Amino acid sequence: MILVDNMNLNGLIYFFAAIIFGPPLLLAIIGFAVKRNSNKSAKVLFTLSALYLLVAGGICGTLLAG
């Protein structure tokens, strides 16, 4: 497939944004739901959420920056 100069890549940007913000948001929501029963598990989920956001934002941000 030959790439054309006037291609619309808006869907690709939305895809990367979903990869960056989707899983951390889901982990944070699960963390808030679990916080009632187990405070330690909620802290682990919040930490994983922040770590994923940091790593995915760095990798995808670098890809989007060009």
C-alpha atoms as a PDB file:
ATOM      1  CA  MET A   1       0.000   0.000   0.000  1.00  0.00           C
ATOM      2  CA  ILE A   2       1.368   3.348  -0.997  1.00  0.00           C
ATOM      3  CA  LEU A   3       0.919   6.147   1.550  1.00  0.00           C
ATOM      4  CA  VAL A   4      -0.658   9.275   0.129  1.00  0.00           C
ATOM      5  CA  ASP A   5       0.233  12.724   1.451  1.00  0.00           C
ATOM      6  CA  ASN A   6      -3.364  13.775   2.079  1.00  0.00           C
ATOM      7  CA  MET A   7      -4.441  10.804   4.245  1.00  0.00           C
ATOM      8  CA  ASN A   8      -6.675  11.526   7.238  1.00  0.00           C
ATOM      9  CA  LEU A   9      -5.115   9.977  10.353  1.00  0.00           C
ATOM     10  CA  ASN A  10      -7.508  11.336  12.991  1.00  0.00           C
ATOM     11  CA  GLY A  11      -8.646   7.829  13.879  1.00  0.00           C
ATOM     12  CA  LEU A  12      -5.075   6.849  14.689  1.00  0.00           C
ATOM     13  CA  ILE A  13      -4.755   9.701  17.178  1.00  0.00           C
ATOM     14  CA  TYR A  14      -8.001   8.643  18.871  1.00  0.00           C
ATOM     15  CA  PHE A  15      -6.712   5.072  18.983  1.00  0.00           C
ATOM     16  CA  PHE A  16      -3.494   6.130  20.714  1.00  0.00           C
ATOM     17  CA  ALA A  17      -5.476   8.298  23.151  1.00  0.00           C
ATOM     18  CA  ALA A  18      -7.662   5.297  24.000  1.00  0.00           C
ATOM     19  CA  ILE A  19      -4.547   3.192  24.621  1.00  0.00           C
ATOM     20  CA  ILE A  20      -3.016   5.894  26.831  1.00  0.00           C
ATOM     21  CA  PHE A  21      -6.070   6.735  28.954  1.00  0.00           C
ATOM     22  CA  GLY A  22      -8.329   3.650  28.741  1.00  0.00           C
ATOM     23  CA  PRO A  23      -6.634   1.066  30.973  1.00  0.00           C
ATOM     24  CA  PRO A  24      -5.542   3.537  33.694  1.00  0.00           C
ATOM     25  CA  LEU A  25      -9.076   4.879  33.898  1.00  0.00           C
ATOM     26  CA  LEU A  26     -10.453   1.356  34.171  1.00  0.00           C
ATOM     27  CA  LEU A  27      -7.912   0.433  36.881  1.00  0.00           C
ATOM     28  CA  ALA A  28      -8.760   3.588  38.841  1.00  0.00           C
ATOM     29  CA  ILE A  29     -12.499   2.827  38.688  1.00  0.00           C
ATOM     30  CA  ILE A  30     -11.856  -0.730  39.883  1.00  0.00           C
ATOM     31  CA  GLY A  31      -9.615   0.687  42.622  1.00  0.00           C
ATOM     32  CA  PHE A  32     -12.409   2.939  43.882  1.00  0.00           C
ATOM     33  CA  ALA A  33     -14.817  -0.012  43.847  1.00  0.00           C
ATOM     34  CA  VAL A  34     -12.387  -2.263  45.758  1.00  0.00           C
ATOM     35  CA  LYS A  35     -11.427   0.440  48.277  1.00  0.00           C
ATOM     36  CA  ARG A  36     -14.425  -0.367  50.459  1.00  0.00           C
ATOM     37  CA  ASN A  37     -13.316  -3.958  51.034  1.00  0.00           C
ATOM     38  CA  SER A  38      -9.537  -3.889  50.818  1.00  0.00           C
ATOM     39  CA  ASN A  39      -7.522  -0.716  51.157  1.00  0.00           C
ATOM     40  CA  LYS A  40      -4.238  -2.445  50.249  1.00  0.00           C
ATOM     41  CA  SER A  41      -5.604  -3.842  46.984  1.00  0.00           C
ATOM     42  CA  ALA A  42      -6.937  -0.415  46.069  1.00  0.00           C
ATOM     43  CA  LYS A  43      -3.489   1.123  46.610  1.00  0.00           C
ATOM     44  CA  VAL A  44      -1.949  -1.495  44.322  1.00  0.00           C
ATOM     45  CA  LEU A  45      -4.518  -0.747  41.606  1.00  0.00           C
ATOM     46  CA  PHE A  46      -3.962   3.011  41.913  1.00  0.00           C
ATOM     47  CA  THR A  47      -0.198   2.496  41.690  1.00  0.00           C
ATOM     48  CA  LEU A  48      -0.575   0.288  38.608  1.00  0.00           C
ATOM     49  CA  SER A  49      -2.865   2.870  37.070  1.00  0.00           C
ATOM     50  CA  ALA A  50      -0.365   5.689  37.603  1.00  0.00           C
ATOM     51  CA  LEU A  51       2.547   3.574  36.368  1.00  0.00           C
ATOM     52  CA  TYR A  52       0.677   2.522  33.215  1.00  0.00           C
ATOM     53  CA  LEU A  53      -0.292   6.121  32.513  1.00  0.00           C
ATOM     54  CA  LEU A  54       3.310   7.255  32.917  1.00  0.00           C
ATOM     55  CA  VAL A  55       4.781   4.545  30.692  1.00  0.00           C
ATOM     56  CA  ALA A  56       2.052   4.586  28.027  1.00  0.00           C
ATOM     57  CA  GLY A  57       2.076   8.368  27.909  1.00  0.00           C
ATOM     58  CA  GLY A  58       5.799   8.386  27.363  1.00  0.00           C
ATOM     59  CA  ILE A  59       5.837   5.730  24.661  1.00  0.00           C
ATOM     60  CA  CYS A  60       2.718   6.832  22.773  1.00  0.00           C
ATOM     61  CA  GLY A  61       3.580  10.491  23.265  1.00  0.00           C
ATOM     62  CA  THR A  62       6.940   9.877  21.652  1.00  0.00           C
ATOM     63  CA  LEU A  63       5.273   8.081  18.742  1.00  0.00           C
ATOM     64  CA  LEU A  64       2.773  10.899  18.244  1.00  0.00           C
ATOM     65  CA  ALA A  65       5.433  13.607  18.472  1.00  0.00           C
ATOM     66  CA  GLY A  66       7.148  12.077  15.516  1.00  0.00           C
END
